[in-house]
Amino acid sequence: MFKHYTILMIILFAIISFGISCSSNDAETRTPGSTSVGGANILTGPEVNEDLEITETQTSFEPNQEFYFHFHNNMPFNSELVTVQLVGNSDEKILAESDYEVDPEDAELTDKIWFGSRGMHTIIVMVDGETRATREVLIE
């Protein structure tokens, strides 16, 4: 019985290992995604217009290429602080974090950012400590 249990454990370990290796390979080739709470969203692109809105959305960039993010909260911030985190997806490490002082009646924020390393990364925007939207970008 112990031998049967050992064989089952080896098979289970092999299946889990194969699934992890497949999912980590797929993470680099999949399309960047996003999340939203209450209709908030983040757009990214290489240029903005005079209203600081992204002129052409894009989710793939080169290492160290500066680009813009535009966050629309879909309602007034009702807070004087918006926090933006840049996170590496491979290790979920926070690469950068910036706090922006905003007018509580505003609902939009635009700034220029960049990522130095290749791979999938996530932009996270929090209002008053609560995540409102995320946007993944692929650095190729």
N, C-alpha and C. Protein backbone atom coordinates (compact mmCIF):
# COMPACT_ATOMS: atom_id res chain seq x y z
N MET A 1 0.82 -1.18 0.00
CA MET A 1 0.00 0.00 0.00
C MET A 1 0.87 1.26 0.00
N PHE A 2 1.96 1.24 0.76
CA PHE A 2 2.86 2.39 0.82
C PHE A 2 3.47 2.64 -0.56
N LYS A 3 3.79 1.58 -1.28
CA LYS A 3 4.37 1.71 -2.61
C LYS A 3 3.36 2.35 -3.56
N HIS A 4 2.11 1.96 -3.46
CA HIS A 4 1.04 2.52 -4.29
C HIS A 4 0.87 4.02 -3.99
N TYR A 5 0.92 4.39 -2.71
CA TYR A 5 0.80 5.78 -2.28
C TYR A 5 1.98 6.61 -2.83
N THR A 6 3.18 6.06 -2.79
CA THR A 6 4.37 6.75 -3.29
C THR A 6 4.25 7.00 -4.78
N ILE A 7 3.78 6.04 -5.53
CA ILE A 7 3.62 6.20 -6.98
C ILE A 7 2.59 7.28 -7.27
N LEU A 8 1.49 7.29 -6.55
CA LEU A 8 0.47 8.33 -6.73
C LEU A 8 1.04 9.71 -6.42
N MET A 9 1.84 9.84 -5.39
CA MET A 9 2.44 11.12 -5.03
C MET A 9 3.40 11.59 -6.11
N ILE A 10 4.18 10.69 -6.70
CA ILE A 10 5.11 11.05 -7.77
C ILE A 10 4.34 11.53 -8.99
N ILE A 11 3.27 10.84 -9.34
CA ILE A 11 2.44 11.24 -10.48
C ILE A 11 1.81 12.61 -10.22
N LEU A 12 1.28 12.82 -9.04
CA LEU A 12 0.68 14.10 -8.68
C LEU A 12 1.71 15.23 -8.74
N PHE A 13 2.89 14.99 -8.22
CA PHE A 13 3.96 15.99 -8.27
C PHE A 13 4.33 16.32 -9.71
N ALA A 14 4.41 15.31 -10.57
CA ALA A 14 4.75 15.54 -11.98
C ALA A 14 3.68 16.38 -12.67
N ILE A 15 2.41 16.11 -12.39
CA ILE A 15 1.31 16.87 -12.99
C ILE A 15 1.35 18.33 -12.52
N ILE A 16 1.56 18.56 -11.24
CA ILE A 16 1.63 19.92 -10.72
C ILE A 16 2.83 20.66 -11.31
N SER A 17 3.98 20.01 -11.37
CA SER A 17 5.17 20.64 -11.94
C SER A 17 4.96 21.01 -13.40
N PHE A 18 4.34 20.10 -14.17
CA PHE A 18 4.07 20.39 -15.57
C PHE A 18 3.11 21.57 -15.70
N GLY A 19 2.09 21.62 -14.86
CA GLY A 19 1.12 22.73 -14.90
C GLY A 19 1.77 24.06 -14.56
N ILE A 20 2.66 24.07 -13.58
CA ILE A 20 3.35 25.31 -13.21
C ILE A 20 4.25 25.77 -14.34
N SER A 21 4.99 24.86 -14.95
CA SER A 21 5.90 25.26 -16.03
C SER A 21 5.12 25.75 -17.24
N CYS A 22 3.97 25.16 -17.53
CA CYS A 22 3.15 25.62 -18.65
C CYS A 22 2.56 26.99 -18.36
N SER A 23 2.07 27.20 -17.14
CA SER A 23 1.45 28.49 -16.83
C SER A 23 2.48 29.60 -16.81
N SER A 24 3.71 29.34 -16.37
CA SER A 24 4.71 30.41 -16.37
C SER A 24 5.15 30.74 -17.79
N ASN A 25 5.18 29.77 -18.70
CA ASN A 25 5.50 30.06 -20.10
C ASN A 25 4.37 30.83 -20.75
N ASP A 26 3.12 30.46 -20.45
CA ASP A 26 1.97 31.13 -21.04
C ASP A 26 1.85 32.57 -20.55
N ALA A 27 2.32 32.86 -19.34
CA ALA A 27 2.19 34.20 -18.79
C ALA A 27 2.94 35.22 -19.64
N GLU A 28 4.02 34.82 -20.26
CA GLU A 28 4.80 35.75 -21.06
C GLU A 28 4.23 35.91 -22.47
N THR A 29 3.39 34.98 -22.93
CA THR A 29 2.88 35.07 -24.29
C THR A 29 1.41 35.47 -24.34
N ARG A 30 0.74 35.54 -23.22
CA ARG A 30 -0.68 35.88 -23.23
C ARG A 30 -0.88 37.38 -23.42
N THR A 31 -2.09 37.75 -23.76
CA THR A 31 -2.44 39.15 -23.97
C THR A 31 -2.58 39.85 -22.63
N PRO A 32 -1.99 41.05 -22.48
CA PRO A 32 -2.14 41.78 -21.23
C PRO A 32 -3.61 42.05 -20.90
N GLY A 33 -3.97 41.88 -19.64
CA GLY A 33 -5.34 42.07 -19.22
C GLY A 33 -5.49 43.26 -18.29
N SER A 34 -6.69 43.43 -17.77
CA SER A 34 -6.96 44.53 -16.85
C SER A 34 -8.10 44.15 -15.93
N THR A 35 -8.22 44.90 -14.83
CA THR A 35 -9.35 44.74 -13.93
C THR A 35 -9.92 46.12 -13.65
N SER A 36 -11.17 46.14 -13.21
CA SER A 36 -11.85 47.40 -12.96
C SER A 36 -12.82 47.23 -11.80
N VAL A 37 -12.92 48.28 -10.98
CA VAL A 37 -13.93 48.34 -9.93
C VAL A 37 -14.78 49.57 -10.23
N GLY A 38 -16.06 49.36 -10.37
CA GLY A 38 -16.98 50.48 -10.60
C GLY A 38 -16.76 51.25 -11.88
N GLY A 39 -16.21 50.59 -12.89
CA GLY A 39 -16.00 51.24 -14.18
C GLY A 39 -14.70 52.01 -14.31
N ALA A 40 -13.87 52.02 -13.27
CA ALA A 40 -12.56 52.68 -13.36
C ALA A 40 -11.70 51.92 -14.36
N ASN A 41 -10.80 52.65 -15.05
CA ASN A 41 -9.92 51.96 -15.99
C ASN A 41 -8.60 52.67 -16.16
N ILE A 42 -7.63 51.92 -16.69
CA ILE A 42 -6.30 52.44 -16.99
C ILE A 42 -6.03 52.16 -18.45
N LEU A 43 -5.65 53.19 -19.18
CA LEU A 43 -5.21 53.05 -20.56
C LEU A 43 -3.73 53.39 -20.61
N THR A 44 -2.99 52.75 -21.52
CA THR A 44 -1.58 53.05 -21.70
C THR A 44 -1.30 53.32 -23.17
N GLY A 45 -0.29 54.15 -23.42
CA GLY A 45 0.08 54.47 -24.78
C GLY A 45 1.28 55.39 -24.82
N PRO A 46 1.89 55.54 -26.01
CA PRO A 46 3.11 56.34 -26.12
C PRO A 46 2.89 57.85 -26.14
N GLU A 47 1.66 58.31 -26.39
CA GLU A 47 1.41 59.74 -26.50
C GLU A 47 0.08 60.12 -25.85
N VAL A 48 0.00 61.39 -25.42
CA VAL A 48 -1.25 61.95 -24.92
C VAL A 48 -1.56 63.23 -25.68
N ASN A 49 -2.85 63.63 -25.67
CA ASN A 49 -3.25 64.88 -26.31
C ASN A 49 -3.19 66.01 -25.28
N GLU A 50 -3.67 67.19 -25.69
CA GLU A 50 -3.62 68.36 -24.79
C GLU A 50 -4.49 68.18 -23.55
N ASP A 51 -5.46 67.27 -23.59
CA ASP A 51 -6.29 66.98 -22.42
C ASP A 51 -5.70 65.86 -21.55
N LEU A 52 -4.46 65.46 -21.87
CA LEU A 52 -3.75 64.38 -21.16
C LEU A 52 -4.46 63.03 -21.27
N GLU A 53 -5.10 62.78 -22.41
CA GLU A 53 -5.74 61.50 -22.68
C GLU A 53 -4.88 60.74 -23.69
N ILE A 54 -4.83 59.43 -23.55
CA ILE A 54 -4.05 58.58 -24.46
C ILE A 54 -4.62 58.72 -25.88
N THR A 55 -3.75 59.00 -26.85
CA THR A 55 -4.22 59.17 -28.23
C THR A 55 -4.34 57.84 -28.96
N GLU A 56 -3.48 56.90 -28.64
CA GLU A 56 -3.54 55.57 -29.26
C GLU A 56 -3.14 54.55 -28.20
N THR A 57 -4.08 53.68 -27.81
CA THR A 57 -3.78 52.72 -26.75
C THR A 57 -2.81 51.66 -27.24
N GLN A 58 -1.97 51.24 -26.31
CA GLN A 58 -0.96 50.22 -26.61
C GLN A 58 -0.64 49.53 -25.29
N THR A 59 -0.37 48.22 -25.34
CA THR A 59 -0.04 47.49 -24.11
C THR A 59 1.31 46.79 -24.20
N SER A 60 2.03 46.95 -25.30
CA SER A 60 3.37 46.37 -25.44
C SER A 60 4.37 47.48 -25.67
N PHE A 61 5.48 47.40 -24.93
CA PHE A 61 6.51 48.42 -25.00
C PHE A 61 7.87 47.76 -24.91
N GLU A 62 8.93 48.52 -25.18
CA GLU A 62 10.29 48.03 -25.07
C GLU A 62 10.83 48.36 -23.68
N PRO A 63 11.87 47.63 -23.21
CA PRO A 63 12.47 47.98 -21.93
C PRO A 63 12.96 49.43 -21.94
N ASN A 64 12.73 50.13 -20.85
CA ASN A 64 13.13 51.52 -20.64
C ASN A 64 12.42 52.52 -21.55
N GLN A 65 11.43 52.08 -22.33
CA GLN A 65 10.65 53.00 -23.15
C GLN A 65 9.65 53.74 -22.26
N GLU A 66 9.69 55.06 -22.28
CA GLU A 66 8.72 55.83 -21.51
C GLU A 66 7.38 55.82 -22.24
N PHE A 67 6.31 55.66 -21.47
CA PHE A 67 4.96 55.72 -22.01
C PHE A 67 4.05 56.27 -20.94
N TYR A 68 2.83 56.56 -21.32
CA TYR A 68 1.87 57.16 -20.40
C TYR A 68 0.86 56.14 -19.91
N PHE A 69 0.39 56.38 -18.68
CA PHE A 69 -0.82 55.70 -18.22
C PHE A 69 -1.83 56.80 -17.95
N HIS A 70 -3.09 56.51 -18.24
CA HIS A 70 -4.18 57.43 -17.97
C HIS A 70 -5.21 56.65 -17.16
N PHE A 71 -5.45 57.11 -15.92
CA PHE A 71 -6.40 56.46 -15.03
C PHE A 71 -7.67 57.31 -14.98
N HIS A 72 -8.79 56.65 -15.23
CA HIS A 72 -10.09 57.31 -15.09
C HIS A 72 -10.87 56.56 -14.02
N ASN A 73 -11.20 57.25 -12.94
CA ASN A 73 -11.85 56.62 -11.78
C ASN A 73 -13.35 56.39 -11.97
N ASN A 74 -13.94 57.01 -12.98
CA ASN A 74 -15.37 56.89 -13.28
C ASN A 74 -16.26 57.52 -12.21
N MET A 75 -15.66 58.29 -11.33
CA MET A 75 -16.37 59.06 -10.30
C MET A 75 -15.32 59.94 -9.63
N PRO A 76 -15.71 60.99 -8.94
CA PRO A 76 -14.71 61.81 -8.24
C PRO A 76 -13.88 60.96 -7.27
N PHE A 77 -12.61 61.33 -7.10
CA PHE A 77 -11.73 60.57 -6.20
C PHE A 77 -12.25 60.55 -4.77
N ASN A 78 -12.86 61.65 -4.31
CA ASN A 78 -13.32 61.77 -2.92
C ASN A 78 -12.18 61.47 -1.94
N SER A 79 -10.96 61.74 -2.39
CA SER A 79 -9.77 61.54 -1.59
C SER A 79 -8.71 62.49 -2.14
N GLU A 80 -7.76 62.84 -1.31
CA GLU A 80 -6.67 63.70 -1.76
C GLU A 80 -5.44 62.90 -2.16
N LEU A 81 -5.55 61.56 -2.09
CA LEU A 81 -4.38 60.72 -2.36
C LEU A 81 -4.73 59.57 -3.30
N VAL A 82 -3.97 59.45 -4.39
CA VAL A 82 -4.07 58.32 -5.31
C VAL A 82 -2.68 57.67 -5.34
N THR A 83 -2.64 56.36 -5.18
CA THR A 83 -1.38 55.63 -5.18
C THR A 83 -1.28 54.76 -6.43
N VAL A 84 -0.12 54.81 -7.07
CA VAL A 84 0.14 53.99 -8.26
C VAL A 84 1.32 53.08 -7.95
N GLN A 85 1.12 51.78 -8.18
CA GLN A 85 2.19 50.80 -8.00
C GLN A 85 2.52 50.18 -9.35
N LEU A 86 3.81 49.95 -9.58
CA LEU A 86 4.29 49.20 -10.74
C LEU A 86 4.83 47.89 -10.20
N VAL A 87 4.26 46.78 -10.69
CA VAL A 87 4.56 45.46 -10.12
C VAL A 87 5.06 44.53 -11.21
N GLY A 88 6.12 43.77 -10.90
CA GLY A 88 6.61 42.73 -11.80
C GLY A 88 5.78 41.47 -11.60
N ASN A 89 5.18 40.94 -12.65
CA ASN A 89 4.31 39.77 -12.50
C ASN A 89 5.06 38.49 -12.17
N SER A 90 6.31 38.37 -12.60
CA SER A 90 7.03 37.12 -12.38
C SER A 90 7.26 36.83 -10.90
N ASP A 91 7.49 37.88 -10.12
CA ASP A 91 7.73 37.68 -8.69
C ASP A 91 6.80 38.50 -7.80
N GLU A 92 5.86 39.23 -8.42
CA GLU A 92 4.89 40.08 -7.73
C GLU A 92 5.56 41.13 -6.84
N LYS A 93 6.79 41.51 -7.20
CA LYS A 93 7.54 42.51 -6.44
C LYS A 93 7.11 43.91 -6.89
N ILE A 94 6.90 44.79 -5.93
CA ILE A 94 6.59 46.18 -6.23
C ILE A 94 7.89 46.85 -6.68
N LEU A 95 7.92 47.26 -7.95
CA LEU A 95 9.11 47.88 -8.52
C LEU A 95 9.16 49.37 -8.24
N ALA A 96 8.01 50.00 -8.14
CA ALA A 96 7.92 51.43 -7.84
C ALA A 96 6.54 51.72 -7.27
N GLU A 97 6.46 52.75 -6.44
CA GLU A 97 5.19 53.18 -5.87
C GLU A 97 5.24 54.69 -5.73
N SER A 98 4.20 55.36 -6.24
CA SER A 98 4.12 56.82 -6.14
C SER A 98 2.77 57.24 -5.60
N ASP A 99 2.78 58.20 -4.71
CA ASP A 99 1.56 58.81 -4.21
C ASP A 99 1.36 60.14 -4.91
N TYR A 100 0.15 60.37 -5.40
CA TYR A 100 -0.20 61.60 -6.10
C TYR A 100 -1.21 62.36 -5.26
N GLU A 101 -0.92 63.63 -4.98
CA GLU A 101 -1.89 64.49 -4.32
C GLU A 101 -2.84 65.01 -5.40
N VAL A 102 -4.14 64.76 -5.22
CA VAL A 102 -5.14 65.11 -6.23
C VAL A 102 -6.26 65.93 -5.60
N ASP A 103 -7.01 66.59 -6.44
CA ASP A 103 -8.22 67.29 -6.01
C ASP A 103 -9.30 66.23 -5.82
N PRO A 104 -9.94 66.16 -4.66
CA PRO A 104 -10.96 65.13 -4.42
C PRO A 104 -12.11 65.16 -5.44
N GLU A 105 -12.32 66.30 -6.11
CA GLU A 105 -13.39 66.39 -7.09
C GLU A 105 -12.96 65.89 -8.47
N ASP A 106 -11.65 65.72 -8.69
CA ASP A 106 -11.16 65.19 -9.97
C ASP A 106 -11.43 63.69 -10.05
N ALA A 107 -11.35 63.17 -11.29
CA ALA A 107 -11.57 61.75 -11.50
C ALA A 107 -10.53 61.11 -12.41
N GLU A 108 -9.53 61.91 -12.86
CA GLU A 108 -8.55 61.39 -13.82
C GLU A 108 -7.13 61.74 -13.39
N LEU A 109 -6.19 60.85 -13.77
CA LEU A 109 -4.78 61.05 -13.47
C LEU A 109 -3.97 60.49 -14.64
N THR A 110 -2.99 61.26 -15.11
CA THR A 110 -2.12 60.83 -16.20
C THR A 110 -0.68 61.10 -15.80
N ASP A 111 0.22 60.16 -16.11
CA ASP A 111 1.63 60.37 -15.87
C ASP A 111 2.43 59.46 -16.80
N LYS A 112 3.73 59.73 -16.87
CA LYS A 112 4.64 58.96 -17.70
C LYS A 112 5.35 57.94 -16.80
N ILE A 113 5.52 56.71 -17.32
CA ILE A 113 6.19 55.64 -16.58
C ILE A 113 7.05 54.83 -17.53
N TRP A 114 7.80 53.86 -16.99
CA TRP A 114 8.57 52.92 -17.79
C TRP A 114 8.92 51.71 -16.93
N PHE A 115 9.24 50.61 -17.60
CA PHE A 115 9.71 49.39 -16.93
C PHE A 115 11.06 49.03 -17.55
N GLY A 116 12.02 48.65 -16.74
CA GLY A 116 13.35 48.34 -17.24
C GLY A 116 13.55 46.91 -17.68
N SER A 117 12.73 45.99 -17.21
CA SER A 117 12.97 44.58 -17.53
C SER A 117 11.85 44.00 -18.39
N ARG A 118 12.21 43.00 -19.15
CA ARG A 118 11.25 42.32 -20.04
C ARG A 118 10.27 41.49 -19.21
N GLY A 119 9.10 41.23 -19.80
CA GLY A 119 8.10 40.40 -19.14
C GLY A 119 6.79 41.15 -18.96
N MET A 120 5.86 40.48 -18.31
CA MET A 120 4.56 41.06 -18.02
C MET A 120 4.64 41.80 -16.69
N HIS A 121 4.10 43.02 -16.68
CA HIS A 121 4.08 43.86 -15.49
C HIS A 121 2.68 44.42 -15.31
N THR A 122 2.37 44.86 -14.10
CA THR A 122 1.04 45.38 -13.80
C THR A 122 1.13 46.77 -13.20
N ILE A 123 0.26 47.65 -13.68
CA ILE A 123 0.07 48.97 -13.10
C ILE A 123 -1.17 48.86 -12.22
N ILE A 124 -1.05 49.23 -10.95
CA ILE A 124 -2.16 49.17 -10.01
C ILE A 124 -2.44 50.58 -9.52
N VAL A 125 -3.70 51.01 -9.58
CA VAL A 125 -4.07 52.34 -9.08
C VAL A 125 -5.05 52.15 -7.92
N MET A 126 -4.69 52.79 -6.79
CA MET A 126 -5.51 52.71 -5.59
C MET A 126 -5.96 54.11 -5.19
N VAL A 127 -7.22 54.23 -4.82
CA VAL A 127 -7.76 55.47 -4.30
C VAL A 127 -8.15 55.23 -2.85
N ASP A 128 -7.58 56.03 -1.97
CA ASP A 128 -7.85 55.90 -0.54
C ASP A 128 -7.56 54.47 -0.06
N GLY A 129 -6.49 53.86 -0.59
CA GLY A 129 -6.08 52.53 -0.17
C GLY A 129 -6.80 51.37 -0.83
N GLU A 130 -7.82 51.63 -1.64
CA GLU A 130 -8.59 50.57 -2.29
C GLU A 130 -8.22 50.49 -3.77
N THR A 131 -7.91 49.29 -4.26
CA THR A 131 -7.58 49.11 -5.67
C THR A 131 -8.81 49.41 -6.52
N ARG A 132 -8.65 50.32 -7.48
CA ARG A 132 -9.74 50.71 -8.38
C ARG A 132 -9.58 50.11 -9.77
N ALA A 133 -8.32 49.94 -10.23
CA ALA A 133 -8.09 49.37 -11.57
C ALA A 133 -6.67 48.85 -11.66
N THR A 134 -6.49 47.88 -12.56
CA THR A 134 -5.16 47.38 -12.89
C THR A 134 -5.05 47.28 -14.40
N ARG A 135 -3.84 47.35 -14.90
CA ARG A 135 -3.56 47.20 -16.34
C ARG A 135 -2.23 46.49 -16.48
N GLU A 136 -2.23 45.36 -17.17
CA GLU A 136 -0.98 44.68 -17.47
C GLU A 136 -0.37 45.25 -18.74
N VAL A 137 0.95 45.31 -18.77
CA VAL A 137 1.67 45.70 -19.97
C VAL A 137 2.78 44.67 -20.20
N LEU A 138 3.05 44.41 -21.47
CA LEU A 138 4.10 43.46 -21.84
C LEU A 138 5.31 44.25 -22.29
N ILE A 139 6.44 44.01 -21.63
CA ILE A 139 7.69 44.66 -22.03
C ILE A 139 8.47 43.61 -22.81
N GLU A 140 8.65 43.88 -24.13
CA GLU A 140 9.26 42.89 -25.03
C GLU A 140 10.70 43.20 -25.32
